[in-house]
Amino acid sequence: MQRSDDPRELVPLFDAVAARPDDDPPRQVLADALLERGDARGEFIQLQLLRARGLATTAQQEREKHLLAHHWRKWLSEVPGIGAKASLDFQRGFLRACALQPCGVGVDSPTWRMIERLEVVNPQTPTELAAPALTRLESLVGLDAASLAVVLAGPDKPRLRELGFAGPHMLADRARREQAQIAALTRFPSLRVLSLAPTPFRHHADWHEWLFASPVLPQLERVRLWMELPFDVMGLHALLVRRGLPRLKLELATMGVKLHLDLAWLTVQFDSEFWLGRHGQAMRNLAPNFAPFPYRRFDVRVGDRPATPAELERLGDVFRSYAA
């Protein structure tokens, strides 16, 4: 929200917000100063502060939406790669999350200072990802090998907890280079969640042995693998055992269904009844791969609810017996 053409006397007020991002008083002081200048950002900050405290009326919430709809492009014009309004998330008056198509412009914009979540879209010139101001970044997804290289070569991101990478490519020299990039993520000690979309996908767990041997794995709490059915559940479970990763949770995901597993816990989560029907036969064929594991907990869910007996019947004997 801070712009390079803001009056000089406002700069310390923006700096105060960045220095105390969890406190409301600096934001209120800034909002008052902006209002004195007839700047709509001041009213927007005030309205978002009210909503964050649960005090905004319906009319005030509608006014907040109106201001955002009419001014967001101007407020964020120094970062032209920011995506559509639907991707924006403002919190207490400042941009917290957005989608970004890097274009090499706006790297030094003060807007970066408050961003916590960033989704990269079609990266081409990802120099923005090396912006020194991205110190509050907690989630960074949508990277490819080039943009991940920029992140690794850039300054530290001390709060980074989640990273999503469209790779690695699983063939020859390119695989080794991209696997080395993932190993280098140990430079971000706060990283806890890693999402990967290997390409081309190889079903057998042996293709992912390198990942479980990577030095970054012991610091992670969750690894999400985007892949097509069938999932090699048995092989991946064996890698967890063999590599001694009792606290690591795996998430195997494809469109409409996710499997969450660790050494003794398994949940199959269908997004909806439609997706249970779409993937039901594939999961029925896959179910015998679950049988050897000593699960203490086995859940099958459809949306926000447990699967019904009729739905479990469609998935076969293994699902039915575990869920019982």
Protein backbone atom coordinates (compact mmCIF):
# COMPACT_ATOMS: atom_id res chain seq x y z
CA MET A 1 0.00 0.00 0.00
CA GLN A 2 2.93 2.39 0.48
CA ARG A 3 3.84 4.14 -2.74
CA SER A 4 7.09 5.79 -3.83
CA ASP A 5 5.24 9.06 -4.49
CA ASP A 6 3.82 9.31 -0.95
CA PRO A 7 4.70 12.56 0.90
CA ARG A 8 8.00 12.29 2.73
CA GLU A 9 6.37 12.83 6.12
CA LEU A 10 4.33 9.65 5.67
CA VAL A 11 7.37 7.40 5.20
CA PRO A 12 8.15 7.10 8.95
CA LEU A 13 4.52 6.15 9.58
CA PHE A 14 4.70 3.31 7.04
CA ASP A 15 8.04 2.29 8.56
CA ALA A 16 6.42 2.14 11.99
CA VAL A 17 3.74 -0.23 10.69
CA ALA A 18 6.40 -2.48 9.12
CA ALA A 19 8.43 -2.45 12.34
CA ARG A 20 5.41 -3.43 14.49
CA PRO A 21 3.25 -5.49 12.10
CA ASP A 22 1.28 -7.19 14.89
CA ASP A 23 0.22 -3.93 16.55
CA ASP A 24 -2.79 -1.81 15.59
CA PRO A 25 -1.76 1.64 16.95
CA PRO A 26 0.82 2.38 14.21
CA ARG A 27 -1.79 1.47 11.59
CA GLN A 28 -4.33 3.77 13.19
CA VAL A 29 -1.86 6.68 13.26
CA LEU A 30 -1.10 6.10 9.58
CA ALA A 31 -4.81 5.87 8.74
CA ASP A 32 -5.47 9.21 10.45
CA ALA A 33 -2.62 10.85 8.52
CA LEU A 34 -3.92 9.48 5.21
CA LEU A 35 -7.45 10.66 6.00
CA GLU A 36 -6.18 14.18 6.66
CA ARG A 37 -4.89 14.15 3.08
CA GLY A 38 -8.15 12.84 1.67
CA ASP A 39 -6.52 9.49 0.79
CA ALA A 40 -9.00 6.60 0.62
CA ARG A 41 -6.34 4.25 2.00
CA GLY A 42 -6.86 5.82 5.43
CA GLU A 43 -10.55 4.94 5.49
CA PHE A 44 -9.81 1.45 4.18
CA ILE A 45 -7.26 0.80 6.96
CA GLN A 46 -9.72 2.02 9.59
CA LEU A 47 -12.53 -0.19 8.26
CA GLN A 48 -10.30 -3.26 8.15
CA LEU A 49 -9.13 -2.60 11.71
CA LEU A 50 -12.76 -2.47 12.82
CA ARG A 51 -13.53 -5.74 11.04
CA ALA A 52 -10.49 -7.45 12.55
CA ARG A 53 -11.83 -6.51 16.02
CA GLY A 54 -15.32 -7.77 15.16
CA LEU A 55 -16.78 -4.25 15.39
CA ALA A 56 -17.58 -3.45 11.75
CA THR A 57 -21.23 -3.03 10.84
CA THR A 58 -22.69 -4.51 7.66
CA ALA A 59 -22.63 -1.06 6.05
CA GLN A 60 -18.97 -0.61 7.00
CA GLN A 61 -18.06 -4.00 5.54
CA GLU A 62 -19.80 -3.06 2.29
CA ARG A 63 -17.92 0.24 2.25
CA GLU A 64 -14.63 -1.63 2.71
CA LYS A 65 -15.43 -3.83 -0.29
CA HIS A 66 -16.36 -0.77 -2.34
CA LEU A 67 -13.07 0.98 -1.57
CA LEU A 68 -11.04 -2.10 -2.45
CA ALA A 69 -12.91 -2.65 -5.72
CA HIS A 70 -12.34 0.94 -6.85
CA HIS A 71 -8.80 1.58 -5.64
CA TRP A 72 -6.79 -1.66 -5.52
CA ARG A 73 -5.17 -1.13 -8.92
CA LYS A 74 -3.96 2.33 -7.93
CA TRP A 75 -2.74 1.14 -4.53
CA LEU A 76 -0.77 -1.70 -6.09
CA SER A 77 0.24 -0.07 -9.38
CA GLU A 78 3.94 -0.20 -8.48
CA VAL A 79 3.79 -4.00 -8.62
CA PRO A 80 2.34 -4.65 -12.10
CA GLY A 81 2.72 -8.41 -11.88
CA ILE A 82 0.11 -8.75 -9.14
CA GLY A 83 -2.82 -10.79 -10.38
CA ALA A 84 -6.56 -10.38 -10.31
CA LYS A 85 -8.47 -8.91 -7.38
CA ALA A 86 -9.72 -12.39 -6.46
CA SER A 87 -6.18 -13.37 -5.47
CA LEU A 88 -5.70 -10.44 -3.09
CA ASP A 89 -5.97 -10.77 0.67
CA PHE A 90 -5.72 -7.57 2.70
CA GLN A 91 -5.45 -7.76 6.47
CA ARG A 92 -5.78 -4.73 8.73
CA GLY A 93 -5.25 -2.44 5.77
CA PHE A 94 -2.22 -4.03 4.10
CA LEU A 95 -1.72 -6.64 1.42
CA ARG A 96 -1.05 -10.00 3.06
CA ALA A 97 -1.37 -12.45 0.13
CA CYS A 98 -1.60 -12.35 -3.65
CA ALA A 99 -0.86 -14.13 -6.90
CA LEU A 100 2.07 -12.74 -8.86
CA GLN A 101 3.34 -13.12 -12.40
CA PRO A 102 6.97 -11.98 -12.06
CA CYS A 103 7.96 -9.47 -14.70
CA GLY A 104 11.08 -7.87 -13.21
CA VAL A 105 9.28 -4.65 -12.24
CA GLY A 106 8.46 -3.35 -8.79
CA VAL A 107 11.16 -5.29 -6.98
CA ASP A 108 11.81 -2.48 -4.51
CA SER A 109 8.17 -1.56 -3.87
CA PRO A 110 7.36 -1.16 -0.15
CA THR A 111 4.27 -3.30 -0.81
CA TRP A 112 6.52 -6.34 -0.33
CA ARG A 113 7.15 -5.59 3.32
CA MET A 114 3.85 -6.97 4.62
CA ILE A 115 3.27 -9.92 2.26
CA GLU A 116 3.02 -13.30 4.00
CA ARG A 117 1.73 -15.57 1.21
CA LEU A 118 2.70 -15.47 -2.45
CA GLU A 119 1.55 -17.65 -5.34
CA VAL A 120 3.79 -17.42 -8.39
CA VAL A 121 2.01 -17.69 -11.75
CA ASN A 122 3.85 -18.34 -15.03
CA PRO A 123 7.24 -17.13 -13.80
CA GLN A 124 9.36 -15.55 -16.53
CA THR A 125 11.64 -12.96 -14.93
CA PRO A 126 11.33 -13.83 -11.24
CA THR A 127 13.63 -11.11 -9.87
CA GLU A 128 10.87 -9.99 -7.48
CA LEU A 129 11.41 -13.18 -5.49
CA ALA A 130 14.81 -11.87 -4.43
CA ALA A 131 13.35 -8.64 -3.04
CA PRO A 132 15.04 -7.91 0.31
CA ALA A 133 11.72 -6.67 1.70
CA LEU A 134 10.13 -10.15 1.61
CA THR A 135 11.14 -10.85 5.19
CA ARG A 136 7.60 -11.68 6.39
CA LEU A 137 6.97 -14.29 3.70
CA GLU A 138 5.57 -17.51 5.18
CA SER A 139 4.18 -19.31 2.12
CA LEU A 140 5.64 -19.32 -1.39
CA VAL A 141 4.05 -21.64 -3.96
CA GLY A 142 4.02 -22.11 -7.73
CA LEU A 143 7.80 -22.05 -8.23
CA ASP A 144 9.63 -23.67 -11.10
CA ALA A 145 13.36 -24.42 -11.24
CA ALA A 146 14.31 -20.91 -12.40
CA SER A 147 12.29 -19.10 -9.75
CA LEU A 148 13.46 -21.49 -7.04
CA ALA A 149 17.05 -20.68 -8.04
CA VAL A 150 16.28 -16.96 -7.56
CA VAL A 151 14.86 -17.64 -4.10
CA LEU A 152 17.89 -19.71 -3.10
CA ALA A 153 20.29 -17.03 -4.36
CA GLY A 154 18.40 -14.22 -2.63
CA PRO A 155 18.35 -12.98 0.95
CA ASP A 156 17.09 -15.03 3.86
CA LYS A 157 13.38 -15.43 4.46
CA PRO A 158 13.36 -16.13 8.19
CA ARG A 159 9.62 -16.90 8.44
CA LEU A 160 9.24 -19.13 5.37
CA ARG A 161 7.25 -22.21 6.44
CA GLU A 162 5.74 -23.50 3.17
CA LEU A 163 7.18 -23.83 -0.31
CA GLY A 164 5.56 -25.30 -3.43
CA PHE A 165 7.61 -26.38 -6.44
CA ALA A 166 6.34 -27.54 -9.84
CA GLY A 167 8.96 -30.26 -10.14
CA PRO A 168 11.40 -31.79 -9.96
CA HIS A 169 11.74 -33.12 -13.45
CA MET A 170 12.48 -36.80 -12.97
CA LEU A 171 14.82 -37.36 -15.92
CA ALA A 172 18.63 -37.43 -16.06
CA ASP A 173 20.74 -34.31 -15.44
CA ARG A 174 17.78 -32.02 -14.96
CA ALA A 175 16.54 -34.24 -12.14
CA ARG A 176 19.87 -34.05 -10.34
CA ARG A 177 20.02 -30.27 -10.61
CA GLU A 178 16.48 -29.78 -9.31
CA GLN A 179 16.93 -32.35 -6.55
CA ALA A 180 20.02 -30.42 -5.45
CA GLN A 181 17.89 -27.26 -5.27
CA ILE A 182 15.46 -29.02 -2.93
CA ALA A 183 18.31 -30.24 -0.75
CA ALA A 184 19.52 -26.63 -0.52
CA LEU A 185 16.26 -25.61 1.17
CA THR A 186 17.96 -26.38 4.48
CA ARG A 187 19.05 -22.72 4.35
CA PHE A 188 15.48 -21.89 5.42
CA PRO A 189 15.36 -23.47 8.89
CA SER A 190 11.73 -22.47 9.49
CA LEU A 191 10.53 -24.47 6.43
CA ARG A 192 8.00 -27.11 7.51
CA VAL A 193 5.79 -27.87 4.47
CA LEU A 194 7.06 -28.82 1.01
CA SER A 195 4.76 -29.39 -1.98
CA LEU A 196 6.13 -31.09 -5.09
CA ALA A 197 4.64 -31.97 -8.46
CA PRO A 198 7.18 -34.34 -10.06
CA THR A 199 7.13 -34.50 -13.84
CA PRO A 200 6.80 -36.85 -15.56
CA PHE A 201 5.17 -38.65 -12.68
CA ARG A 202 6.58 -42.05 -11.74
CA HIS A 203 4.25 -44.15 -9.61
CA HIS A 204 6.77 -46.38 -7.91
CA ALA A 205 8.16 -45.09 -4.62
CA ASP A 206 11.71 -45.92 -5.69
CA TRP A 207 11.61 -42.83 -7.90
CA HIS A 208 11.15 -40.75 -4.74
CA GLU A 209 13.89 -42.37 -2.64
CA TRP A 210 16.10 -39.32 -3.26
CA LEU A 211 13.50 -37.11 -1.57
CA PHE A 212 13.36 -39.17 1.62
CA ALA A 213 17.17 -39.12 1.73
CA SER A 214 17.31 -35.34 1.25
CA PRO A 215 18.83 -33.36 4.15
CA VAL A 216 15.78 -31.08 4.23
CA LEU A 217 13.35 -33.91 5.13
CA PRO A 218 14.13 -34.15 8.88
CA GLN A 219 13.07 -30.54 9.45
CA LEU A 220 9.73 -30.94 7.62
CA GLU A 221 6.35 -31.71 9.14
CA ARG A 222 4.51 -32.38 5.87
CA VAL A 223 5.38 -33.32 2.30
CA ARG A 224 2.66 -32.95 -0.33
CA LEU A 225 3.10 -34.88 -3.59
CA TRP A 226 0.80 -33.96 -6.48
CA MET A 227 0.49 -37.02 -8.70
CA GLU A 228 -1.92 -39.19 -10.63
CA LEU A 229 -3.53 -42.37 -9.36
CA PRO A 230 -2.53 -45.02 -8.49
CA PHE A 231 -0.55 -43.88 -5.46
CA ASP A 232 2.23 -46.22 -4.33
CA VAL A 233 1.02 -46.10 -0.73
CA MET A 234 2.86 -49.23 0.35
CA GLY A 235 6.19 -48.10 -1.11
CA LEU A 236 5.98 -44.59 0.33
CA HIS A 237 5.02 -45.94 3.74
CA ALA A 238 8.08 -48.22 3.57
CA LEU A 239 10.28 -45.18 2.86
CA LEU A 240 8.94 -43.46 5.98
CA VAL A 241 9.86 -46.53 8.01
CA ARG A 242 13.25 -47.08 6.39
CA ARG A 243 14.33 -43.45 6.68
CA GLY A 244 13.16 -43.14 10.28
CA LEU A 245 10.72 -40.23 9.81
CA PRO A 246 8.05 -40.92 12.45
CA ARG A 247 6.78 -37.34 12.63
CA LEU A 248 6.57 -36.68 8.89
CA LYS A 249 3.10 -36.64 7.34
CA LEU A 250 2.66 -37.36 3.64
CA GLU A 251 -0.13 -35.98 1.54
CA LEU A 252 -0.70 -37.66 -1.83
CA ALA A 253 -2.98 -35.52 -3.94
CA THR A 254 -4.70 -35.54 -7.28
CA MET A 255 -7.78 -33.70 -8.47
CA GLY A 256 -10.67 -34.47 -6.12
CA VAL A 257 -8.94 -36.77 -3.62
CA LYS A 258 -6.11 -36.65 -1.08
CA LEU A 259 -4.49 -39.32 1.08
CA HIS A 260 -2.89 -38.26 4.36
CA LEU A 261 -0.61 -40.82 5.97
CA ASP A 262 2.18 -41.28 8.47
CA LEU A 263 3.47 -44.42 10.15
CA ALA A 264 0.18 -45.23 11.89
CA TRP A 265 -2.50 -42.94 10.48
CA LEU A 266 -4.33 -42.81 7.16
CA THR A 267 -7.14 -40.58 5.94
CA VAL A 268 -8.68 -40.72 2.49
CA GLN A 269 -10.36 -37.38 1.75
CA PHE A 270 -12.69 -37.01 -1.24
CA ASP A 271 -13.65 -33.43 -2.05
CA SER A 272 -17.25 -34.42 -2.78
CA GLU A 273 -19.55 -37.31 -3.65
CA PHE A 274 -18.82 -36.62 -7.31
CA TRP A 275 -15.12 -37.27 -6.79
CA LEU A 276 -15.76 -40.41 -4.78
CA GLY A 277 -17.72 -41.68 -7.78
CA ARG A 278 -15.02 -40.53 -10.19
CA HIS A 279 -12.15 -42.17 -8.30
CA GLY A 280 -14.07 -44.95 -6.57
CA GLN A 281 -12.94 -47.81 -8.81
CA ALA A 282 -9.30 -46.69 -8.81
CA MET A 283 -9.35 -46.50 -5.01
CA ARG A 284 -11.05 -49.89 -4.82
CA ASN A 285 -8.21 -51.36 -6.89
CA LEU A 286 -5.64 -49.56 -4.75
CA ALA A 287 -7.15 -50.54 -1.39
CA PRO A 288 -5.23 -53.85 -0.94
CA ASN A 289 -2.04 -51.74 -0.75
CA PHE A 290 -3.32 -50.34 2.55
CA ALA A 291 -3.86 -53.74 4.20
CA PRO A 292 -0.36 -54.56 5.56
CA PHE A 293 -0.04 -51.35 7.61
CA PRO A 294 -0.65 -51.33 11.39
CA TYR A 295 -2.86 -48.24 11.34
CA ARG A 296 -4.22 -47.06 14.65
CA ARG A 297 -6.53 -44.73 12.76
CA PHE A 298 -8.15 -45.05 9.34
CA ASP A 299 -10.68 -42.48 8.14
CA VAL A 300 -12.58 -42.05 4.90
CA ARG A 301 -14.19 -38.65 4.50
CA VAL A 302 -16.33 -36.98 1.84
CA GLY A 303 -16.12 -33.22 2.12
CA ASP A 304 -16.55 -32.34 5.78
CA ARG A 305 -18.24 -35.59 6.86
CA PRO A 306 -17.35 -39.26 7.34
CA ALA A 307 -18.15 -41.56 4.44
CA THR A 308 -21.46 -43.38 4.74
CA PRO A 309 -21.68 -47.21 4.85
CA ALA A 310 -23.00 -47.15 1.27
CA GLU A 311 -20.02 -45.08 0.11
CA LEU A 312 -17.59 -47.41 1.89
CA GLU A 313 -19.29 -50.33 0.15
CA ARG A 314 -18.45 -48.74 -3.20
CA LEU A 315 -14.79 -48.57 -2.18
CA GLY A 316 -14.51 -52.27 -1.33
CA ASP A 317 -13.85 -54.63 1.56
CA VAL A 318 -10.58 -53.10 2.74
CA PHE A 319 -12.08 -49.66 3.24
CA ARG A 320 -15.17 -51.09 4.84
CA SER A 321 -13.26 -53.27 7.27
CA TYR A 322 -10.82 -50.54 8.33
CA ALA A 323 -13.55 -47.94 8.78
CA ALA A 324 -15.57 -50.38 10.86
